[in-house]
Each structure stands twice: as C-alpha cells, then as structure tokens.
Amino acid sequence: MRVCAQCRYTLHPDDFSSNQWRKGNAARCMDCVYTGASFPCQHCGREFASHSNLVHHMQTHQPKTFRCPLCNEQRFGNGANVAQHVESGYCSGCIGKENARSAIYNFMRSNGSTQQFFNQQLLENGSYGSHSVPETPYACPQCFRPFRNISQLMQHQAASHPGPSQLQLRM
C-alpha cells in the first residue's frame, strides 16, 4: 500500500504505473496521472481514470449482506468475497490456505452443477483423478481463461461476463 502524493489516498500497488511506483513517496496514482477522462463515483464523488477502476471501486459501496457458511461472519459484499475469505486461510472455520483450497475444490467436484467451471483441458487429460488440487483447476466457461482460485473466477465473471451464467456457490 502507498499514499498517492497528489490525492493522498492510500492505494494498492496496482493503482500506480511501474514508472510512478519507482518514485517512492513522490508517486502519483494512475487516476491523478491520467486526468483526461473522468469517471466519478455517484456515491462518494471520487473520480477515476477508467471505467474498470470505477467498477472495482463500487464494490466498497455494496451492502455487506453475504455470510460465510463456515465461520458465520456477515461482512461480505458478494459471494466472491466470501470464497476469497475462505481461500485466504484466515477463516476460523477452515484454517490454512491449502486446507481451504482443497475443501472448496472437493466441494466443487462433488457438485454436479459446477462441472462447467472446471478447466476442460485438465478434464480431458485426466488431471482431475489425482488427490491433490491442480494448479489451475477452474476456467471461465465463456472465454476459457484458467484460474487458480474459485474467487478469482467469480470476480472475473462478474466483471467480464455479467448475467445468469455466473457461478453462485451454495454451501
């Protein structure tokens, strides 16, 4: 995390160009550097250089109505955030990243309605027969992009392919 020298927001490294990042404390975020097109947030007035940055920011304004089925915490704005919480290994109901990743993978494998979200190349060459979780077990059924974690796939689908074909986990 770093504070932008111009707008003073504390931002993620992805919000800075590599050139600006190298400037250290004098770095300006991409929103401040590219002041051309402006995409304002209707909730808080903050402006963004790209529509995708605005869409990403809008998640902060979502109501936190999703609950983790393992630890029962209700502090998530969507199902992808719940999956990310479990996958992080910090969920008290499923401690450890690999343990959590394996539990989600096994849940997905046992659920017939989720088969379309598995990486079809791995299905075809038999890589799903092993007991360990493959490196990229999931894939987007629309564009076939592979993903390591189910939360990444869910976030990708929400941003790139919104609609009824999105993965919805029901644990």
N, C-alpha and C. Protein backbone atom coordinates (compact mmCIF):
# COMPACT_ATOMS: atom_id res chain seq x y z
N MET A 1 0.85 -1.17 0.00
CA MET A 1 0.00 0.00 0.00
C MET A 1 0.90 1.24 0.00
N ARG A 2 0.42 2.28 -0.68
CA ARG A 2 1.19 3.52 -0.76
C ARG A 2 0.22 4.70 -0.88
N VAL A 3 0.63 5.83 -0.34
CA VAL A 3 -0.17 7.05 -0.41
C VAL A 3 0.20 7.81 -1.67
N CYS A 4 -0.81 8.19 -2.45
CA CYS A 4 -0.59 9.00 -3.65
C CYS A 4 -0.16 10.39 -3.21
N ALA A 5 0.90 10.92 -3.85
CA ALA A 5 1.44 12.23 -3.49
C ALA A 5 0.48 13.36 -3.86
N GLN A 6 -0.47 13.10 -4.76
CA GLN A 6 -1.38 14.16 -5.19
C GLN A 6 -2.73 14.10 -4.48
N CYS A 7 -3.42 12.96 -4.55
CA CYS A 7 -4.77 12.88 -3.97
C CYS A 7 -4.76 12.44 -2.51
N ARG A 8 -3.63 11.90 -2.04
CA ARG A 8 -3.43 11.48 -0.65
C ARG A 8 -4.22 10.22 -0.26
N TYR A 9 -4.77 9.50 -1.24
CA TYR A 9 -5.44 8.23 -0.95
C TYR A 9 -4.40 7.15 -0.75
N THR A 10 -4.65 6.22 0.17
CA THR A 10 -3.80 5.05 0.35
C THR A 10 -4.30 4.00 -0.62
N LEU A 11 -3.43 3.58 -1.53
CA LEU A 11 -3.86 2.72 -2.63
C LEU A 11 -2.98 1.48 -2.76
N HIS A 12 -3.50 0.50 -3.48
CA HIS A 12 -2.81 -0.75 -3.78
C HIS A 12 -1.74 -0.48 -4.85
N PRO A 13 -0.66 -1.24 -4.88
CA PRO A 13 0.38 -1.05 -5.91
C PRO A 13 -0.14 -1.07 -7.34
N ASP A 14 -1.22 -1.82 -7.60
CA ASP A 14 -1.79 -1.88 -8.96
C ASP A 14 -2.36 -0.54 -9.41
N ASP A 15 -2.60 0.38 -8.48
CA ASP A 15 -3.14 1.69 -8.82
C ASP A 15 -2.06 2.67 -9.27
N PHE A 16 -0.80 2.23 -9.31
CA PHE A 16 0.32 3.06 -9.74
C PHE A 16 0.98 2.42 -10.96
N SER A 17 1.43 3.22 -11.91
CA SER A 17 2.22 2.68 -13.01
C SER A 17 3.58 2.29 -12.45
N SER A 18 4.28 1.41 -13.13
CA SER A 18 5.61 1.00 -12.64
C SER A 18 6.56 2.19 -12.57
N ASN A 19 6.42 3.11 -13.52
CA ASN A 19 7.26 4.31 -13.52
C ASN A 19 6.99 5.16 -12.27
N GLN A 20 5.72 5.38 -11.95
CA GLN A 20 5.36 6.16 -10.77
C GLN A 20 5.76 5.43 -9.49
N TRP A 21 5.59 4.12 -9.45
CA TRP A 21 5.91 3.34 -8.26
C TRP A 21 7.38 3.51 -7.87
N ARG A 22 8.25 3.57 -8.88
CA ARG A 22 9.69 3.73 -8.61
C ARG A 22 10.02 5.08 -7.98
N LYS A 23 9.11 6.03 -8.04
CA LYS A 23 9.36 7.36 -7.47
C LYS A 23 9.18 7.40 -5.96
N GLY A 24 8.77 6.29 -5.37
CA GLY A 24 8.63 6.21 -3.92
C GLY A 24 7.53 7.12 -3.40
N ASN A 25 7.86 7.94 -2.39
CA ASN A 25 6.85 8.80 -1.76
C ASN A 25 6.34 9.91 -2.67
N ALA A 26 7.01 10.13 -3.80
CA ALA A 26 6.56 11.15 -4.75
C ALA A 26 5.62 10.57 -5.82
N ALA A 27 5.30 9.27 -5.71
CA ALA A 27 4.48 8.59 -6.72
C ALA A 27 3.05 9.12 -6.72
N ARG A 28 2.53 9.30 -7.94
CA ARG A 28 1.12 9.66 -8.12
C ARG A 28 0.38 8.47 -8.70
N CYS A 29 -0.84 8.23 -8.22
CA CYS A 29 -1.63 7.11 -8.72
C CYS A 29 -2.04 7.37 -10.18
N MET A 30 -2.47 6.31 -10.86
CA MET A 30 -2.85 6.45 -12.27
C MET A 30 -4.02 7.39 -12.44
N ASP A 31 -4.92 7.45 -11.46
CA ASP A 31 -6.05 8.37 -11.56
C ASP A 31 -5.57 9.81 -11.61
N CYS A 32 -4.54 10.14 -10.84
CA CYS A 32 -4.02 11.52 -10.82
C CYS A 32 -3.15 11.81 -12.05
N VAL A 33 -2.42 10.81 -12.52
CA VAL A 33 -1.55 10.99 -13.69
C VAL A 33 -2.37 11.20 -14.95
N TYR A 34 -3.39 10.36 -15.14
CA TYR A 34 -4.22 10.41 -16.34
C TYR A 34 -5.50 11.18 -16.02
N THR A 35 -5.41 12.46 -15.99
CA THR A 35 -6.56 13.28 -15.61
C THR A 35 -7.49 13.58 -16.77
N GLY A 36 -7.28 12.94 -17.91
CA GLY A 36 -8.12 13.18 -19.09
C GLY A 36 -9.56 12.80 -18.82
N ALA A 37 -9.98 11.60 -19.20
CA ALA A 37 -11.35 11.14 -18.99
C ALA A 37 -11.57 10.90 -17.51
N SER A 38 -12.71 11.30 -17.04
CA SER A 38 -13.01 11.17 -15.62
C SER A 38 -14.28 10.35 -15.44
N PHE A 39 -14.23 9.40 -14.51
CA PHE A 39 -15.38 8.56 -14.20
C PHE A 39 -15.69 8.74 -12.71
N PRO A 40 -16.65 9.60 -12.39
CA PRO A 40 -16.93 9.88 -10.98
C PRO A 40 -17.83 8.82 -10.34
N CYS A 41 -17.58 8.57 -9.07
CA CYS A 41 -18.43 7.68 -8.28
C CYS A 41 -19.66 8.46 -7.85
N GLN A 42 -20.83 7.90 -8.10
CA GLN A 42 -22.09 8.57 -7.77
C GLN A 42 -22.36 8.57 -6.26
N HIS A 43 -21.63 7.71 -5.52
CA HIS A 43 -21.84 7.62 -4.07
C HIS A 43 -20.97 8.58 -3.27
N CYS A 44 -19.68 8.66 -3.63
CA CYS A 44 -18.76 9.45 -2.81
C CYS A 44 -18.07 10.57 -3.58
N GLY A 45 -18.25 10.63 -4.89
CA GLY A 45 -17.67 11.70 -5.68
C GLY A 45 -16.24 11.49 -6.13
N ARG A 46 -15.58 10.44 -5.67
CA ARG A 46 -14.21 10.17 -6.09
C ARG A 46 -14.21 9.91 -7.60
N GLU A 47 -13.17 10.39 -8.28
CA GLU A 47 -13.09 10.24 -9.74
C GLU A 47 -12.00 9.25 -10.12
N PHE A 48 -12.26 8.54 -11.22
CA PHE A 48 -11.35 7.50 -11.69
C PHE A 48 -11.02 7.72 -13.15
N ALA A 49 -9.82 7.29 -13.54
CA ALA A 49 -9.35 7.48 -14.91
C ALA A 49 -9.98 6.49 -15.88
N SER A 50 -10.46 5.36 -15.37
CA SER A 50 -11.06 4.37 -16.26
C SER A 50 -12.35 3.82 -15.65
N HIS A 51 -13.20 3.34 -16.52
CA HIS A 51 -14.46 2.76 -16.07
C HIS A 51 -14.21 1.51 -15.24
N SER A 52 -13.21 0.70 -15.60
CA SER A 52 -12.94 -0.52 -14.84
C SER A 52 -12.49 -0.20 -13.42
N ASN A 53 -11.73 0.89 -13.24
CA ASN A 53 -11.33 1.29 -11.89
C ASN A 53 -12.56 1.72 -11.08
N LEU A 54 -13.48 2.41 -11.72
CA LEU A 54 -14.71 2.82 -11.05
C LEU A 54 -15.53 1.60 -10.65
N VAL A 55 -15.65 0.63 -11.54
CA VAL A 55 -16.42 -0.59 -11.25
C VAL A 55 -15.80 -1.31 -10.06
N HIS A 56 -14.48 -1.42 -10.05
CA HIS A 56 -13.78 -2.06 -8.93
C HIS A 56 -14.04 -1.30 -7.63
N HIS A 57 -13.98 0.02 -7.67
CA HIS A 57 -14.22 0.86 -6.50
C HIS A 57 -15.65 0.69 -5.98
N MET A 58 -16.62 0.51 -6.86
CA MET A 58 -18.02 0.43 -6.46
C MET A 58 -18.30 -0.72 -5.49
N GLN A 59 -17.41 -1.71 -5.46
CA GLN A 59 -17.58 -2.81 -4.51
C GLN A 59 -17.55 -2.31 -3.07
N THR A 60 -16.85 -1.20 -2.82
CA THR A 60 -16.78 -0.67 -1.46
C THR A 60 -18.13 -0.15 -0.99
N HIS A 61 -19.03 0.14 -1.90
CA HIS A 61 -20.33 0.68 -1.54
C HIS A 61 -21.44 -0.38 -1.48
N GLN A 62 -21.11 -1.64 -1.78
CA GLN A 62 -22.11 -2.70 -1.73
C GLN A 62 -22.50 -2.99 -0.28
N PRO A 63 -23.76 -3.31 -0.03
CA PRO A 63 -24.13 -3.71 1.33
C PRO A 63 -23.45 -5.03 1.67
N LYS A 64 -23.05 -5.18 2.88
CA LYS A 64 -22.33 -6.38 3.34
C LYS A 64 -23.34 -7.39 3.87
N THR A 65 -24.03 -8.06 2.95
CA THR A 65 -25.12 -8.96 3.33
C THR A 65 -24.76 -10.44 3.19
N PHE A 66 -23.57 -10.76 2.68
CA PHE A 66 -23.20 -12.16 2.49
C PHE A 66 -22.50 -12.69 3.74
N ARG A 67 -22.84 -13.92 4.10
CA ARG A 67 -22.34 -14.55 5.32
C ARG A 67 -21.47 -15.75 4.95
N CYS A 68 -20.37 -15.92 5.67
CA CYS A 68 -19.50 -17.09 5.47
C CYS A 68 -20.20 -18.32 6.06
N PRO A 69 -20.35 -19.40 5.29
CA PRO A 69 -21.04 -20.58 5.82
C PRO A 69 -20.20 -21.35 6.84
N LEU A 70 -18.91 -21.04 6.94
CA LEU A 70 -18.05 -21.77 7.87
C LEU A 70 -17.90 -21.08 9.22
N CYS A 71 -17.66 -19.76 9.22
CA CYS A 71 -17.46 -19.05 10.49
C CYS A 71 -18.64 -18.15 10.85
N ASN A 72 -19.61 -18.02 9.94
CA ASN A 72 -20.84 -17.26 10.15
C ASN A 72 -20.65 -15.74 10.20
N GLU A 73 -19.50 -15.23 9.79
CA GLU A 73 -19.30 -13.77 9.75
C GLU A 73 -20.10 -13.19 8.59
N GLN A 74 -20.81 -12.08 8.84
CA GLN A 74 -21.56 -11.41 7.78
C GLN A 74 -20.90 -10.06 7.54
N ARG A 75 -19.91 -10.05 6.62
CA ARG A 75 -19.20 -8.83 6.32
C ARG A 75 -18.73 -8.78 4.86
N PHE A 76 -19.48 -9.45 4.00
CA PHE A 76 -19.05 -9.58 2.61
C PHE A 76 -20.09 -9.00 1.66
N GLY A 77 -19.59 -8.37 0.59
CA GLY A 77 -20.46 -7.73 -0.38
C GLY A 77 -20.95 -8.65 -1.48
N ASN A 78 -20.28 -9.79 -1.68
CA ASN A 78 -20.72 -10.74 -2.71
C ASN A 78 -20.12 -12.12 -2.43
N GLY A 79 -20.58 -13.10 -3.18
CA GLY A 79 -20.12 -14.47 -3.00
C GLY A 79 -18.64 -14.65 -3.26
N ALA A 80 -18.10 -13.88 -4.20
CA ALA A 80 -16.66 -13.98 -4.50
C ALA A 80 -15.84 -13.55 -3.29
N ASN A 81 -16.32 -12.53 -2.56
CA ASN A 81 -15.61 -12.09 -1.36
C ASN A 81 -15.64 -13.16 -0.27
N VAL A 82 -16.75 -13.90 -0.17
CA VAL A 82 -16.84 -14.99 0.80
C VAL A 82 -15.84 -16.08 0.42
N ALA A 83 -15.82 -16.47 -0.85
CA ALA A 83 -14.88 -17.50 -1.31
C ALA A 83 -13.44 -17.05 -1.07
N GLN A 84 -13.15 -15.79 -1.33
CA GLN A 84 -11.81 -15.25 -1.13
C GLN A 84 -11.44 -15.31 0.36
N HIS A 85 -12.38 -15.01 1.23
CA HIS A 85 -12.17 -15.08 2.68
C HIS A 85 -11.79 -16.50 3.09
N VAL A 86 -12.52 -17.50 2.60
CA VAL A 86 -12.23 -18.89 2.94
C VAL A 86 -10.89 -19.30 2.36
N GLU A 87 -10.64 -18.95 1.09
CA GLU A 87 -9.39 -19.34 0.43
C GLU A 87 -8.16 -18.70 1.07
N SER A 88 -8.35 -17.56 1.73
CA SER A 88 -7.21 -16.86 2.34
C SER A 88 -6.58 -17.66 3.47
N GLY A 89 -7.34 -18.58 4.06
CA GLY A 89 -6.83 -19.35 5.19
C GLY A 89 -7.08 -18.69 6.53
N TYR A 90 -7.68 -17.50 6.53
CA TYR A 90 -7.93 -16.79 7.78
C TYR A 90 -9.32 -17.07 8.35
N CYS A 91 -10.14 -17.79 7.63
CA CYS A 91 -11.47 -18.13 8.13
C CYS A 91 -11.30 -19.11 9.29
N SER A 92 -11.92 -18.81 10.41
CA SER A 92 -11.78 -19.67 11.59
C SER A 92 -12.42 -21.04 11.38
N GLY A 93 -13.29 -21.16 10.38
CA GLY A 93 -13.95 -22.43 10.10
C GLY A 93 -13.14 -23.36 9.21
N CYS A 94 -12.08 -22.85 8.59
CA CYS A 94 -11.30 -23.67 7.65
C CYS A 94 -9.87 -23.12 7.62
N ILE A 95 -9.13 -23.34 8.66
CA ILE A 95 -7.82 -22.73 8.84
C ILE A 95 -6.79 -23.32 7.88
N GLY A 96 -6.02 -22.44 7.25
CA GLY A 96 -4.95 -22.83 6.35
C GLY A 96 -5.34 -22.71 4.90
N LYS A 97 -4.51 -22.04 4.11
CA LYS A 97 -4.82 -21.80 2.69
C LYS A 97 -5.03 -23.08 1.91
N GLU A 98 -4.09 -24.01 2.03
CA GLU A 98 -4.20 -25.25 1.23
C GLU A 98 -5.37 -26.11 1.70
N ASN A 99 -5.64 -26.13 3.00
CA ASN A 99 -6.78 -26.87 3.52
C ASN A 99 -8.07 -26.28 2.96
N ALA A 100 -8.17 -24.95 2.97
CA ALA A 100 -9.36 -24.28 2.45
C ALA A 100 -9.50 -24.50 0.95
N ARG A 101 -8.40 -24.37 0.24
CA ARG A 101 -8.42 -24.55 -1.23
C ARG A 101 -8.87 -25.97 -1.57
N SER A 102 -8.37 -26.94 -0.83
CA SER A 102 -8.73 -28.33 -1.05
C SER A 102 -10.21 -28.58 -0.73
N ALA A 103 -10.71 -27.97 0.35
CA ALA A 103 -12.12 -28.15 0.73
C ALA A 103 -13.04 -27.57 -0.34
N ILE A 104 -12.71 -26.39 -0.86
CA ILE A 104 -13.53 -25.78 -1.92
C ILE A 104 -13.47 -26.62 -3.19
N TYR A 105 -12.28 -27.09 -3.54
CA TYR A 105 -12.11 -27.93 -4.72
C TYR A 105 -12.95 -29.21 -4.61
N ASN A 106 -12.90 -29.86 -3.46
CA ASN A 106 -13.67 -31.09 -3.26
C ASN A 106 -15.18 -30.81 -3.27
N PHE A 107 -15.58 -29.67 -2.71
CA PHE A 107 -16.99 -29.28 -2.77
C PHE A 107 -17.42 -29.09 -4.22
N MET A 108 -16.60 -28.40 -5.00
CA MET A 108 -16.92 -28.16 -6.41
C MET A 108 -16.98 -29.47 -7.19
N ARG A 109 -16.05 -30.37 -6.92
CA ARG A 109 -16.04 -31.66 -7.64
C ARG A 109 -17.26 -32.50 -7.32
N SER A 110 -17.76 -32.39 -6.09
CA SER A 110 -18.91 -33.22 -5.69
C SER A 110 -20.24 -32.62 -6.12
N ASN A 111 -20.24 -31.42 -6.61
CA ASN A 111 -21.46 -30.73 -7.00
C ASN A 111 -21.59 -30.79 -8.53
N GLY A 112 -22.54 -31.55 -9.00
CA GLY A 112 -22.71 -31.76 -10.44
C GLY A 112 -22.96 -30.48 -11.23
N SER A 113 -23.60 -29.50 -10.63
CA SER A 113 -23.93 -28.27 -11.35
C SER A 113 -22.72 -27.35 -11.55
N THR A 114 -21.59 -27.68 -10.97
CA THR A 114 -20.40 -26.81 -11.10
C THR A 114 -19.38 -27.35 -12.10
N GLN A 115 -19.67 -28.45 -12.76
CA GLN A 115 -18.69 -29.07 -13.65
C GLN A 115 -18.26 -28.16 -14.81
N GLN A 116 -19.15 -27.28 -15.25
CA GLN A 116 -18.82 -26.38 -16.36
C GLN A 116 -17.73 -25.39 -15.98
N PHE A 117 -17.46 -25.22 -14.69
CA PHE A 117 -16.47 -24.24 -14.23
C PHE A 117 -15.08 -24.85 -14.03
N PHE A 118 -14.94 -26.13 -14.35
CA PHE A 118 -13.62 -26.76 -14.28
C PHE A 118 -12.87 -26.57 -15.58
N ASN A 119 -11.57 -26.52 -15.47
CA ASN A 119 -10.68 -26.37 -16.62
C ASN A 119 -10.84 -27.62 -17.50
N GLN A 120 -11.47 -27.46 -18.66
CA GLN A 120 -11.80 -28.60 -19.53
C GLN A 120 -10.56 -29.33 -20.05
N GLN A 121 -9.46 -28.61 -20.23
CA GLN A 121 -8.22 -29.25 -20.68
C GLN A 121 -7.74 -30.27 -19.65
N LEU A 122 -7.89 -29.95 -18.37
CA LEU A 122 -7.49 -30.88 -17.32
C LEU A 122 -8.43 -32.07 -17.26
N LEU A 123 -9.71 -31.83 -17.53
CA LEU A 123 -10.67 -32.93 -17.55
C LEU A 123 -10.34 -33.91 -18.66
N GLU A 124 -9.96 -33.36 -19.82
CA GLU A 124 -9.68 -34.20 -20.99
C GLU A 124 -8.43 -35.05 -20.82
N ASN A 125 -7.40 -34.52 -20.13
CA ASN A 125 -6.17 -35.30 -20.00
C ASN A 125 -6.11 -36.08 -18.68
N GLY A 126 -7.21 -36.07 -17.92
CA GLY A 126 -7.29 -36.91 -16.72
C GLY A 126 -6.61 -36.34 -15.49
N SER A 127 -6.26 -35.07 -15.46
CA SER A 127 -5.55 -34.49 -14.33
C SER A 127 -6.43 -34.35 -13.09
N TYR A 128 -7.73 -34.54 -13.22
CA TYR A 128 -8.60 -34.40 -12.06
C TYR A 128 -8.69 -35.68 -11.25
N GLY A 129 -8.05 -36.73 -11.70
CA GLY A 129 -8.10 -38.00 -10.98
C GLY A 129 -7.22 -38.04 -9.75
N SER A 130 -6.22 -37.16 -9.66
CA SER A 130 -5.31 -37.19 -8.52
C SER A 130 -5.98 -36.61 -7.28
N HIS A 131 -5.38 -36.84 -6.12
CA HIS A 131 -5.95 -36.37 -4.86
C HIS A 131 -5.55 -34.94 -4.55
N SER A 132 -4.56 -34.39 -5.23
CA SER A 132 -4.15 -33.01 -4.98
C SER A 132 -4.91 -32.07 -5.92
N VAL A 133 -4.96 -30.81 -5.53
CA VAL A 133 -5.65 -29.80 -6.33
C VAL A 133 -4.72 -29.35 -7.45
N PRO A 134 -5.15 -29.41 -8.72
CA PRO A 134 -4.32 -28.93 -9.82
C PRO A 134 -4.00 -27.44 -9.68
N GLU A 135 -2.97 -26.99 -10.34
CA GLU A 135 -2.55 -25.59 -10.24
C GLU A 135 -3.66 -24.63 -10.66
N THR A 136 -4.32 -24.89 -11.78
CA THR A 136 -5.42 -24.04 -12.25
C THR A 136 -6.63 -24.93 -12.55
N PRO A 137 -7.35 -25.34 -11.51
CA PRO A 137 -8.45 -26.29 -11.72
C PRO A 137 -9.71 -25.69 -12.34
N TYR A 138 -9.85 -24.37 -12.27
CA TYR A 138 -11.09 -23.74 -12.73
C TYR A 138 -10.85 -22.95 -14.02
N ALA A 139 -11.91 -22.78 -14.80
CA ALA A 139 -11.82 -21.99 -16.03
C ALA A 139 -13.17 -21.36 -16.31
N CYS A 140 -13.12 -20.20 -16.92
CA CYS A 140 -14.34 -19.50 -17.30
C CYS A 140 -14.99 -20.24 -18.47
N PRO A 141 -16.26 -20.63 -18.35
CA PRO A 141 -16.90 -21.34 -19.46
C PRO A 141 -17.16 -20.46 -20.68
N GLN A 142 -17.11 -19.14 -20.52
CA GLN A 142 -17.33 -18.24 -21.66
C GLN A 142 -16.06 -18.01 -22.46
N CYS A 143 -14.93 -17.75 -21.79
CA CYS A 143 -13.69 -17.41 -22.52
C CYS A 143 -12.56 -18.41 -22.27
N PHE A 144 -12.78 -19.38 -21.42
CA PHE A 144 -11.84 -20.47 -21.13
C PHE A 144 -10.57 -20.03 -20.40
N ARG A 145 -10.55 -18.84 -19.84
CA ARG A 145 -9.39 -18.38 -19.08
C ARG A 145 -9.28 -19.22 -17.80
N PRO A 146 -8.09 -19.76 -17.51
CA PRO A 146 -7.92 -20.61 -16.32
C PRO A 146 -7.69 -19.78 -15.05
N PHE A 147 -8.09 -20.36 -13.91
CA PHE A 147 -7.95 -19.69 -12.62
C PHE A 147 -7.48 -20.66 -11.55
N ARG A 148 -6.64 -20.17 -10.64
CA ARG A 148 -6.15 -20.97 -9.51
C ARG A 148 -7.22 -21.09 -8.43
N ASN A 149 -7.92 -20.01 -8.16
CA ASN A 149 -8.91 -19.99 -7.08
C ASN A 149 -10.30 -19.69 -7.63
N ILE A 150 -11.30 -20.26 -6.95
CA ILE A 150 -12.68 -20.06 -7.39
C ILE A 150 -13.10 -18.60 -7.24
N SER A 151 -12.55 -17.90 -6.24
CA SER A 151 -12.90 -16.49 -6.06
C SER A 151 -12.43 -15.66 -7.25
N GLN A 152 -11.28 -16.01 -7.82
CA GLN A 152 -10.77 -15.29 -9.00
C GLN A 152 -11.72 -15.48 -10.18
N LEU A 153 -12.19 -16.70 -10.36
CA LEU A 153 -13.15 -16.98 -11.44
C LEU A 153 -14.44 -16.19 -11.23
N MET A 154 -14.94 -16.16 -10.00
CA MET A 154 -16.18 -15.44 -9.71
C MET A 154 -16.03 -13.94 -9.96
N GLN A 155 -14.89 -13.37 -9.55
CA GLN A 155 -14.64 -11.95 -9.79
C GLN A 155 -14.52 -11.66 -11.28
N HIS A 156 -13.85 -12.54 -12.00
CA HIS A 156 -13.70 -12.40 -13.46
C HIS A 156 -15.06 -12.41 -14.13
N GLN A 157 -15.91 -13.37 -13.75
CA GLN A 157 -17.23 -13.47 -14.37
C GLN A 157 -18.08 -12.23 -14.10
N ALA A 158 -18.03 -11.73 -12.87
CA ALA A 158 -18.82 -10.55 -12.53
C ALA A 158 -18.38 -9.34 -13.35
N ALA A 159 -17.07 -9.22 -13.59
CA ALA A 159 -16.54 -8.07 -14.32
C ALA A 159 -16.64 -8.24 -15.84
N SER A 160 -16.41 -9.45 -16.34
CA SER A 160 -16.30 -9.66 -17.79
C SER A 160 -17.52 -10.28 -18.44
N HIS A 161 -18.28 -11.07 -17.70
CA HIS A 161 -19.42 -11.78 -18.28
C HIS A 161 -20.62 -11.72 -17.34
N PRO A 162 -21.12 -10.53 -17.00
CA PRO A 162 -22.25 -10.46 -16.07
C PRO A 162 -23.49 -11.11 -16.65
N GLY A 163 -24.26 -11.71 -15.79
CA GLY A 163 -25.50 -12.34 -16.23
C GLY A 163 -25.78 -13.61 -15.49
N PRO A 164 -26.79 -14.36 -15.94
CA PRO A 164 -27.25 -15.55 -15.21
C PRO A 164 -26.29 -16.73 -15.23
N SER A 165 -25.28 -16.72 -16.13
CA SER A 165 -24.37 -17.87 -16.20
C SER A 165 -23.25 -17.79 -15.19
N GLN A 166 -23.25 -16.78 -14.32
CA GLN A 166 -22.20 -16.65 -13.31
C GLN A 166 -22.31 -17.77 -12.28
N LEU A 167 -21.16 -18.14 -11.74
CA LEU A 167 -21.10 -19.15 -10.71
C LEU A 167 -21.65 -18.57 -9.40
N GLN A 168 -22.57 -19.29 -8.79
CA GLN A 168 -23.12 -18.94 -7.47
C GLN A 168 -22.91 -20.13 -6.56
N LEU A 169 -22.06 -19.99 -5.54
CA LEU A 169 -21.79 -21.10 -4.63
C LEU A 169 -22.87 -21.16 -3.56
N ARG A 170 -23.40 -22.33 -3.36
CA ARG A 170 -24.37 -22.58 -2.28
C ARG A 170 -23.79 -23.70 -1.41
N MET A 171 -23.25 -23.31 -0.27
CA MET A 171 -22.60 -24.31 0.60
C MET A 171 -23.56 -24.76 1.68
